């Protein structure tokens, strides 16, 4: 798991909008040094996740629609489709042949599942507000 460039750009976009004002995409890109081709794609994802509102037209732009105290880094990574798994076996749909043949299950899986839970909890502990204020 890594925070990809896409999530970094998404965080920058949210930072630009954290003032509560509506801003144009070109202005956001200029302020936050986000390439326009990424900004449009990312803003669509952020809008679908309910994090931003996009208004089209001459007076259009973007506005933060979620409470920065409630949006977490975990939420942002989910919105951008980021893979947050420490290992494939921590995905609930993963079928491990090894764990099925070991009495009591796989100890590696149990340890990685614990690490995954801790990582998810850590990502949920960082709100947008906390990230931008620290």
Protein backbone atom coordinates (compact mmCIF):
# COMPACT_ATOMS: atom_id res chain seq x y z
CA UNK A 1 0.00 0.00 0.00
CA UNK A 2 1.23 3.39 -1.00
CA UNK A 3 -0.36 6.79 -1.25
CA UNK A 4 -0.27 7.26 -5.00
CA UNK A 5 0.16 10.45 -6.95
CA UNK A 6 -3.58 10.44 -7.59
CA UNK A 7 -4.39 10.50 -3.88
CA UNK A 8 -1.74 13.16 -3.33
CA UNK A 9 -3.35 15.31 -6.03
CA UNK A 10 -6.80 14.65 -4.52
CA UNK A 11 -5.53 15.85 -1.16
CA UNK A 12 -4.11 18.97 -2.81
CA UNK A 13 -7.45 19.65 -4.50
CA UNK A 14 -9.27 19.29 -1.19
CA UNK A 15 -6.73 21.60 0.42
CA UNK A 16 -7.49 24.24 -2.21
CA UNK A 17 -11.20 23.90 -1.50
CA UNK A 18 -10.88 23.76 2.30
CA UNK A 19 -11.38 27.54 2.49
CA UNK A 20 -15.06 26.94 1.69
CA UNK A 21 -15.05 29.02 -1.48
CA UNK A 22 -15.97 27.86 -4.96
CA UNK A 23 -12.89 27.75 -7.19
CA UNK A 24 -12.35 27.08 -10.85
CA UNK A 25 -10.42 24.00 -11.88
CA UNK A 26 -7.68 26.05 -13.60
CA UNK A 27 -7.21 28.07 -10.39
CA UNK A 28 -7.02 24.93 -8.27
CA UNK A 29 -4.47 23.45 -10.67
CA UNK A 30 -2.37 26.59 -10.54
CA UNK A 31 -2.51 26.94 -6.74
CA UNK A 32 -1.80 23.30 -6.01
CA UNK A 33 0.37 22.38 -8.99
CA UNK A 34 -1.99 19.65 -10.15
CA UNK A 35 -1.92 18.80 -13.87
CA UNK A 36 -5.32 19.56 -15.44
CA UNK A 37 -5.63 16.13 -17.06
CA UNK A 38 -5.49 14.56 -13.57
CA UNK A 39 -7.65 17.21 -11.90
CA UNK A 40 -10.74 16.52 -14.02
CA UNK A 41 -10.51 12.77 -13.47
CA UNK A 42 -9.91 13.15 -9.74
CA UNK A 43 -12.65 15.72 -9.26
CA UNK A 44 -15.13 13.35 -10.89
CA UNK A 45 -14.18 10.68 -8.33
CA UNK A 46 -14.35 13.17 -5.44
CA UNK A 47 -17.76 14.29 -6.64
CA UNK A 48 -19.03 10.70 -6.89
CA UNK A 49 -17.84 10.13 -3.31
CA UNK A 50 -19.78 13.20 -2.15
CA UNK A 51 -16.66 15.13 -1.16
CA UNK A 52 -17.00 17.98 -3.67
CA UNK A 53 -19.72 19.64 -5.72
CA UNK A 54 -19.01 20.61 -9.30
CA UNK A 55 -20.92 23.43 -10.99
CA UNK A 56 -20.61 23.71 -14.75
CA UNK A 57 -20.81 26.79 -16.91
CA UNK A 58 -19.26 30.24 -17.00
CA UNK A 59 -19.71 30.80 -13.27
CA UNK A 60 -18.89 27.18 -12.49
CA UNK A 61 -16.25 25.65 -10.33
CA UNK A 62 -15.81 23.29 -7.43
CA UNK A 63 -16.68 23.50 -3.78
CA UNK A 64 -15.97 21.23 -0.84
CA UNK A 65 -19.25 19.57 0.13
CA UNK A 66 -18.04 17.37 2.98
CA UNK A 67 -17.05 18.37 6.50
CA UNK A 68 -13.21 18.36 6.72
CA UNK A 69 -13.54 17.13 10.31
CA UNK A 70 -15.37 14.02 9.08
CA UNK A 71 -13.45 13.09 5.92
CA UNK A 72 -10.50 10.81 6.65
CA UNK A 73 -7.45 9.75 4.71
CA UNK A 74 -9.11 6.32 4.52
CA UNK A 75 -12.17 7.93 2.88
CA UNK A 76 -10.00 9.83 0.43
CA UNK A 77 -8.10 6.69 -0.55
CA UNK A 78 -11.40 4.86 -1.03
CA UNK A 79 -12.72 7.71 -3.19
CA UNK A 80 -9.72 7.56 -5.51
CA UNK A 81 -9.90 3.75 -5.70
CA UNK A 82 -6.60 3.34 -3.92
CA UNK A 83 -5.59 -0.17 -2.88
CA UNK A 84 -5.30 -0.02 0.90
CA UNK A 85 -4.45 -3.70 1.40
CA UNK A 86 -1.19 -4.72 3.04
CA UNK A 87 -1.51 -8.10 1.28
CA UNK A 88 -3.97 -9.72 -1.11
CA UNK A 89 -4.98 -12.25 1.54
CA UNK A 90 -6.50 -9.48 3.68
CA UNK A 91 -9.13 -8.90 0.99
CA UNK A 92 -12.32 -10.66 2.08
CA UNK A 93 -12.82 -12.22 -1.34
CA UNK A 94 -9.32 -13.76 -1.51
CA UNK A 95 -9.32 -17.57 -1.53
CA UNK A 96 -6.17 -18.96 0.05
CA UNK A 97 -5.67 -22.65 -0.62
CA UNK A 98 -3.04 -22.82 2.10
CA UNK A 99 -5.31 -21.57 4.89
CA UNK A 100 -7.89 -24.22 4.00
CA UNK A 101 -5.42 -27.05 4.53
CA UNK A 102 -3.92 -25.79 7.81
CA UNK A 103 -5.78 -26.79 10.97
CA UNK A 104 -6.78 -23.59 12.75
CA UNK A 105 -6.07 -21.44 9.70
CA UNK A 106 -3.02 -19.58 8.50
CA UNK A 107 -1.00 -17.74 11.14
CA UNK A 108 0.48 -15.43 8.50
CA UNK A 109 -3.03 -14.40 7.44
CA UNK A 110 -4.06 -13.71 11.04
CA UNK A 111 -1.00 -11.51 11.56
CA UNK A 112 -1.52 -9.65 8.29
CA UNK A 113 -5.23 -9.19 9.06
CA UNK A 114 -4.25 -7.60 12.39
CA UNK A 115 -1.77 -5.33 10.59
CA UNK A 116 -4.47 -4.42 8.07
CA UNK A 117 -6.90 -3.49 10.84
CA UNK A 118 -4.28 -1.31 12.52
CA UNK A 119 -3.46 0.39 9.21
CA UNK A 120 -7.14 1.03 8.47
CA UNK A 121 -7.61 2.48 11.96
CA UNK A 122 -4.56 4.72 11.50
CA UNK A 123 -5.82 5.99 8.11
CA UNK A 124 -9.22 6.67 9.69
CA UNK A 125 -7.55 8.69 12.47
CA UNK A 126 -6.28 11.35 10.04
CA UNK A 127 -9.08 13.72 9.12
CA UNK A 128 -8.74 16.21 6.31
CA UNK A 129 -8.78 18.98 8.88
CA UNK A 130 -5.98 17.35 10.87
CA UNK A 131 -3.88 16.78 7.76
CA UNK A 132 -4.23 20.39 6.66
CA UNK A 133 -3.67 21.93 10.08
CA UNK A 134 -0.63 19.95 11.24
